[in-house]
């Protein structure tokens, strides 16, 4: 791969505009080549005010100089790099309509602190056939002194007509996510209800920088086929991770599958179960519909 080193994080608004303009020119397909480029941002800086806003809207403790970054926060730091890759002319999938279907995060060693200046690397790893189209796997790595300390893999689905063939193992394992009809809830016990306000997408967008119009206002969401604005999938994930950490301590890994959008405003049920090995399974649902399923893992004492 060719490595491109950036002097600063790119601005998201022009990237969204560029990706939108190029989207009609692209035709999704699993056989298309991916851009062989790694974007690197040395010494990424955490803005204290944005971090505080992120922690507040997602339910994490108020940050301090010695407090670790939320496990999900490096995704926010690196998101502009991922957007630059996906908005590139050589990226084969249309940016408009891409659906975040899943994410896996693993921390290696001590957690990142607000004062750390990690090197961030983002690249497109592979295209995967899906029964509803094609998924791209985007990899994000954070390093300190050359050593990886945080790695994530996010899957984004471009929907298109697929002819013949049964779903592959990856699709079956993902439960065909995202499924707008939802699925019957599992056996996880309900813990609490969360009332999500209509401006949640704007608040999270201000904290994270992700101002996709489907999250901001009913009028802009309707342009993309949603009756109302929808919550960010990464907000639902972060909020569930924050709740698990409140009960079980800092996580070293977490994953989630995004199954159905949460229309705002909404009242959702948070359900979870923690086992003796430090794993907390969780889901977010309304009635029989599951919006998100996942789990976090904490390091056992003395590990």
Protein backbone atom coordinates (compact mmCIF):
# COMPACT_ATOMS: atom_id res chain seq x y z
CA UNK A 1 0.00 0.00 0.00
CA UNK A 2 0.99 3.61 -0.53
CA UNK A 3 1.22 5.62 2.69
CA UNK A 4 0.02 9.22 2.63
CA UNK A 5 0.93 11.29 5.69
CA UNK A 6 -1.39 14.18 6.51
CA UNK A 7 -0.41 17.40 8.24
CA UNK A 8 -3.83 17.73 9.90
CA UNK A 9 -7.21 16.00 10.04
CA UNK A 10 -9.32 16.80 6.95
CA UNK A 11 -12.55 18.77 7.27
CA UNK A 12 -15.63 16.56 7.13
CA UNK A 13 -18.05 18.94 5.38
CA UNK A 14 -16.13 19.15 2.07
CA UNK A 15 -15.60 15.38 2.15
CA UNK A 16 -19.34 14.77 2.55
CA UNK A 17 -20.01 17.10 -0.39
CA UNK A 18 -17.37 15.41 -2.55
CA UNK A 19 -18.63 11.93 -1.67
CA UNK A 20 -22.20 12.97 -2.46
CA UNK A 21 -21.19 14.41 -5.83
CA UNK A 22 -19.27 11.27 -6.83
CA UNK A 23 -21.84 8.76 -5.57
CA UNK A 24 -24.04 8.73 -8.70
CA UNK A 25 -20.96 7.81 -10.76
CA UNK A 26 -20.23 4.64 -8.80
CA UNK A 27 -21.67 1.14 -9.08
CA UNK A 28 -21.17 -1.05 -6.04
CA UNK A 29 -19.77 -4.54 -6.49
CA UNK A 30 -17.57 -6.94 -4.51
CA UNK A 31 -15.15 -7.40 -7.41
CA UNK A 32 -14.07 -3.76 -7.66
CA UNK A 33 -10.52 -2.79 -6.61
CA UNK A 34 -10.00 -0.80 -3.43
CA UNK A 35 -7.65 2.20 -3.24
CA UNK A 36 -4.27 0.94 -1.99
CA UNK A 37 -3.69 3.91 0.28
CA UNK A 38 -3.05 4.18 3.99
CA UNK A 39 -3.78 7.59 5.45
CA UNK A 40 -1.60 8.46 8.43
CA UNK A 41 -2.11 11.35 10.84
CA UNK A 42 0.88 11.69 13.19
CA UNK A 43 0.37 13.03 16.70
CA UNK A 44 -3.43 13.35 16.64
CA UNK A 45 -4.66 15.83 19.22
CA UNK A 46 -7.75 15.47 21.42
CA UNK A 47 -9.77 18.67 21.79
CA UNK A 48 -10.79 18.96 25.44
CA UNK A 49 -14.13 20.67 24.79
CA UNK A 50 -15.24 18.21 22.14
CA UNK A 51 -14.18 15.30 24.35
CA UNK A 52 -16.21 16.72 27.25
CA UNK A 53 -19.25 17.13 24.99
CA UNK A 54 -18.81 13.58 23.67
CA UNK A 55 -18.55 12.10 27.17
CA UNK A 56 -21.64 14.00 28.28
CA UNK A 57 -23.87 13.01 25.34
CA UNK A 58 -22.74 9.35 25.43
CA UNK A 59 -22.90 8.85 29.20
CA UNK A 60 -19.18 8.45 29.95
CA UNK A 61 -17.64 10.02 33.08
CA UNK A 62 -16.48 13.61 32.75
CA UNK A 63 -12.92 13.50 31.35
CA UNK A 64 -9.85 14.58 33.26
CA UNK A 65 -6.09 14.68 32.56
CA UNK A 66 -5.51 11.25 34.14
CA UNK A 67 -8.79 9.64 33.06
CA UNK A 68 -8.65 7.35 30.01
CA UNK A 69 -10.34 8.21 26.76
CA UNK A 70 -13.62 6.35 26.21
CA UNK A 71 -12.95 3.12 24.32
CA UNK A 72 -14.99 4.42 21.38
CA UNK A 73 -13.37 7.85 21.13
CA UNK A 74 -10.41 7.03 18.81
CA UNK A 75 -13.07 6.20 16.20
CA UNK A 76 -14.15 9.86 16.42
CA UNK A 77 -10.55 11.09 16.10
CA UNK A 78 -9.96 8.97 12.99
CA UNK A 79 -13.38 9.37 11.35
CA UNK A 80 -12.26 12.25 9.08
CA UNK A 81 -9.51 10.00 7.69
CA UNK A 82 -12.01 7.22 7.00
CA UNK A 83 -14.28 9.71 5.26
CA UNK A 84 -11.41 10.89 3.07
CA UNK A 85 -10.76 7.30 1.94
CA UNK A 86 -14.46 6.65 1.23
CA UNK A 87 -14.98 9.99 -0.54
CA UNK A 88 -12.06 9.36 -2.89
CA UNK A 89 -12.79 8.97 -6.61
CA UNK A 90 -11.02 5.57 -6.56
CA UNK A 91 -13.20 4.21 -3.74
CA UNK A 92 -15.66 1.87 -5.49
CA UNK A 93 -18.74 2.23 -3.29
CA UNK A 94 -21.03 5.29 -3.31
CA UNK A 95 -20.69 7.25 -0.10
CA UNK A 96 -24.36 8.25 -0.13
CA UNK A 97 -26.42 5.42 1.29
CA UNK A 98 -23.56 3.57 2.99
CA UNK A 99 -24.92 1.87 6.14
CA UNK A 100 -22.71 1.18 9.16
CA UNK A 101 -23.43 -2.49 9.90
CA UNK A 102 -20.88 -3.43 12.55
CA UNK A 103 -17.76 -2.52 14.48
CA UNK A 104 -15.10 -4.38 16.47
CA UNK A 105 -12.70 -2.55 18.80
CA UNK A 106 -9.72 -3.93 20.72
CA UNK A 107 -7.41 -2.07 23.08
CA UNK A 108 -3.82 -3.24 23.56
CA UNK A 109 -2.03 -2.21 26.72
CA UNK A 110 -2.93 0.89 28.75
CA UNK A 111 -5.82 3.06 27.62
CA UNK A 112 -5.12 6.25 25.71
CA UNK A 113 -5.21 9.44 27.79
CA UNK A 114 -6.48 12.87 26.66
CA UNK A 115 -2.91 14.20 26.57
CA UNK A 116 -1.59 11.39 24.36
CA UNK A 117 -0.76 12.16 20.72
CA UNK A 118 -1.31 8.84 18.93
CA UNK A 119 -0.47 8.19 15.31
CA UNK A 120 -3.66 7.25 13.47
CA UNK A 121 -3.75 5.04 10.39
CA UNK A 122 -6.87 4.31 8.30
CA UNK A 123 -7.31 2.12 5.23
CA UNK A 124 -9.88 0.03 3.39
CA UNK A 125 -9.06 -3.62 4.05
CA UNK A 126 -11.47 -5.61 1.86
CA UNK A 127 -14.81 -5.82 0.10
CA UNK A 128 -17.15 -8.56 1.30
CA UNK A 129 -20.23 -9.91 -0.55
CA UNK A 130 -23.43 -9.43 1.42
CA UNK A 131 -26.88 -10.76 0.65
CA UNK A 132 -28.06 -7.15 0.30
CA UNK A 133 -25.08 -5.77 -1.57
CA UNK A 134 -21.39 -5.26 -0.77
CA UNK A 135 -19.65 -4.41 2.50
CA UNK A 136 -16.34 -2.63 2.89
CA UNK A 137 -14.18 -3.21 5.97
CA UNK A 138 -12.41 -0.07 7.16
CA UNK A 139 -9.49 -0.50 9.57
CA UNK A 140 -8.35 2.14 12.05
CA UNK A 141 -5.15 1.80 14.08
CA UNK A 142 -3.79 4.03 16.85
CA UNK A 143 -0.11 3.79 17.81
CA UNK A 144 2.08 5.25 20.53
CA UNK A 145 5.85 5.10 20.01
CA UNK A 146 5.24 2.83 17.04
CA UNK A 147 3.27 0.24 19.03
CA UNK A 148 -0.42 -0.44 18.34
CA UNK A 149 -2.61 0.49 21.32
CA UNK A 150 -6.09 0.51 19.72
CA UNK A 151 -7.50 -1.17 16.60
CA UNK A 152 -10.99 -1.17 15.10
CA UNK A 153 -12.70 -2.71 12.09
CA UNK A 154 -15.92 -1.15 10.82
CA UNK A 155 -18.19 -2.64 8.16
CA UNK A 156 -20.24 -0.40 5.87
CA UNK A 157 -22.86 -1.78 3.49
CA UNK A 158 -23.64 -0.44 0.02
CA UNK A 159 -27.01 -1.88 -0.99
CA UNK A 160 -27.52 -3.08 -4.53
CA UNK A 161 -29.24 -5.89 -6.35
CA UNK A 162 -27.67 -9.29 -5.75
CA UNK A 163 -28.55 -12.16 -8.06
CA UNK A 164 -28.60 -15.78 -6.87
CA UNK A 165 -26.60 -17.45 -4.16
CA UNK A 166 -27.24 -17.96 -0.45
CA UNK A 167 -25.88 -15.62 2.22
CA UNK A 168 -22.28 -16.41 3.10
CA UNK A 169 -21.12 -17.30 6.62
CA UNK A 170 -20.26 -13.72 7.49
CA UNK A 171 -23.77 -12.58 6.55
CA UNK A 172 -25.44 -15.36 8.54
CA UNK A 173 -23.26 -14.60 11.56
CA UNK A 174 -24.26 -10.95 11.34
CA UNK A 175 -27.90 -11.92 11.28
CA UNK A 176 -28.38 -10.15 7.99
CA UNK A 177 -27.87 -6.75 9.63
CA UNK A 178 -29.20 -4.22 9.14
CA UNK A 179 -32.78 -5.49 9.21
CA UNK A 180 -35.40 -2.75 9.27
CA UNK A 181 -38.05 -5.24 10.38
CA UNK A 182 -35.95 -6.05 13.42
CA UNK A 183 -35.77 -9.43 15.05
CA UNK A 184 -37.37 -11.04 18.07
CA UNK A 185 -35.55 -9.83 21.20
CA UNK A 186 -33.20 -12.24 22.89
CA UNK A 187 -33.16 -13.34 26.47
CA UNK A 188 -31.24 -10.36 27.83
CA UNK A 189 -33.12 -8.79 30.74
CA UNK A 190 -34.30 -5.20 30.41
CA UNK A 191 -32.36 -2.83 32.67
CA UNK A 192 -33.76 0.62 31.98
CA UNK A 193 -35.52 2.85 29.48
CA UNK A 194 -33.73 5.71 27.76
CA UNK A 195 -35.72 8.67 26.42
CA UNK A 196 -33.88 10.00 23.39
CA UNK A 197 -34.68 13.63 22.44
CA UNK A 198 -35.27 14.82 18.91
CA UNK A 199 -32.06 16.86 18.91
CA UNK A 200 -29.83 13.92 19.91
CA UNK A 201 -28.37 13.65 16.40
CA UNK A 202 -27.42 17.33 16.40
CA UNK A 203 -25.84 17.07 19.85
CA UNK A 204 -23.83 13.98 18.95
CA UNK A 205 -22.93 15.47 15.57
CA UNK A 206 -21.53 18.59 17.26
CA UNK A 207 -19.43 16.45 19.62
CA UNK A 208 -18.23 13.91 17.05
CA UNK A 209 -18.11 15.96 13.87
CA UNK A 210 -20.40 13.48 12.09
CA UNK A 211 -23.10 15.80 10.71
CA UNK A 212 -24.65 13.42 8.22
CA UNK A 213 -28.03 15.01 7.32
CA UNK A 214 -29.97 11.81 8.14
CA UNK A 215 -29.20 12.48 11.81
CA UNK A 216 -29.86 16.20 12.04
CA UNK A 217 -33.46 17.06 11.19
CA UNK A 218 -36.65 15.38 9.95
CA UNK A 219 -36.60 17.43 6.75
CA UNK A 220 -33.07 16.39 5.77
CA UNK A 221 -33.68 12.80 6.89
CA UNK A 222 -36.72 12.57 4.57
CA UNK A 223 -34.47 13.30 1.60
CA UNK A 224 -32.88 9.91 2.25
CA UNK A 225 -36.07 7.95 2.90
CA UNK A 226 -36.38 8.24 6.68
CA UNK A 227 -39.60 9.65 8.19
CA UNK A 228 -37.62 11.33 10.98
CA UNK A 229 -34.01 11.93 11.91
CA UNK A 230 -32.25 8.79 13.16
CA UNK A 231 -29.76 8.36 15.98
CA UNK A 232 -26.13 7.75 15.05
CA UNK A 233 -25.28 4.08 15.27
CA UNK A 234 -22.01 5.01 16.98
CA UNK A 235 -23.98 6.90 19.63
CA UNK A 236 -26.08 3.81 20.42
CA UNK A 237 -22.88 1.75 20.62
CA UNK A 238 -21.00 4.26 22.78
CA UNK A 239 -23.98 4.70 25.12
CA UNK A 240 -24.19 0.93 25.67
CA UNK A 241 -20.42 0.70 26.26
CA UNK A 242 -20.62 3.55 28.77
CA UNK A 243 -23.42 1.77 30.63
CA UNK A 244 -21.47 -1.51 30.72
CA UNK A 245 -18.36 0.25 31.99
CA UNK A 246 -20.34 2.01 34.71
CA UNK A 247 -21.14 -1.41 36.17
CA UNK A 248 -18.07 -3.50 35.24
CA UNK A 249 -15.14 -1.13 34.73
CA UNK A 250 -13.08 -0.11 31.69
CA UNK A 251 -13.41 -2.30 28.60
CA UNK A 252 -10.51 -3.75 26.63
CA UNK A 253 -12.69 -4.78 23.68
CA UNK A 254 -16.20 -4.28 22.35
CA UNK A 255 -18.21 -5.07 19.27
CA UNK A 256 -21.67 -4.31 17.96
CA UNK A 257 -23.98 -5.10 15.07
CA UNK A 258 -26.33 -2.33 13.93
CA UNK A 259 -29.66 -3.90 13.03
CA UNK A 260 -32.29 -1.19 12.64
CA UNK A 261 -32.31 2.63 12.88
CA UNK A 262 -33.64 4.45 15.93
CA UNK A 263 -36.06 7.17 14.82
CA UNK A 264 -35.87 10.30 16.98
CA UNK A 265 -37.38 11.13 19.38
CA UNK A 266 -37.71 7.66 20.89
CA UNK A 267 -37.94 5.64 24.06
CA UNK A 268 -35.69 2.58 23.89
CA UNK A 269 -35.05 -0.30 26.24
CA UNK A 270 -31.48 -1.08 27.26
CA UNK A 271 -31.01 -4.77 28.11
CA UNK A 272 -27.81 -6.45 29.29
CA UNK A 273 -26.25 -9.34 31.17
CA UNK A 274 -22.75 -9.55 32.69
CA UNK A 275 -21.01 -12.90 33.17
CA UNK A 276 -18.25 -13.92 35.54
CA UNK A 277 -15.56 -13.67 32.87
CA UNK A 278 -16.05 -9.92 32.55
CA UNK A 279 -18.20 -9.99 29.41
CA UNK A 280 -21.33 -7.84 29.20
CA UNK A 281 -23.79 -8.64 26.42
CA UNK A 282 -26.19 -5.82 25.56
CA UNK A 283 -28.92 -4.83 23.17
CA UNK A 284 -31.08 -1.80 22.47
CA UNK A 285 -34.69 -2.42 21.47
CA UNK A 286 -38.16 -1.01 21.10
CA UNK A 287 -40.86 -3.64 21.42
CA UNK A 288 -39.85 -6.64 19.30
CA UNK A 289 -37.31 -4.67 17.25
CA UNK A 290 -33.62 -4.86 18.11
CA UNK A 291 -31.67 -1.82 17.01
CA UNK A 292 -28.26 -2.95 18.20
CA UNK A 293 -26.64 -6.03 19.76
CA UNK A 294 -23.13 -6.38 21.09
CA UNK A 295 -20.84 -6.99 24.01
CA UNK A 296 -17.91 -5.54 25.92
CA UNK A 297 -15.09 -7.35 27.72
CA UNK A 298 -13.16 -6.09 30.72
CA UNK A 299 -9.77 -7.30 31.85
CA UNK A 300 -10.08 -9.51 34.90
CA UNK A 301 -8.24 -8.39 38.07
CA UNK A 302 -4.57 -9.34 38.00
CA UNK A 303 -4.60 -10.02 34.24
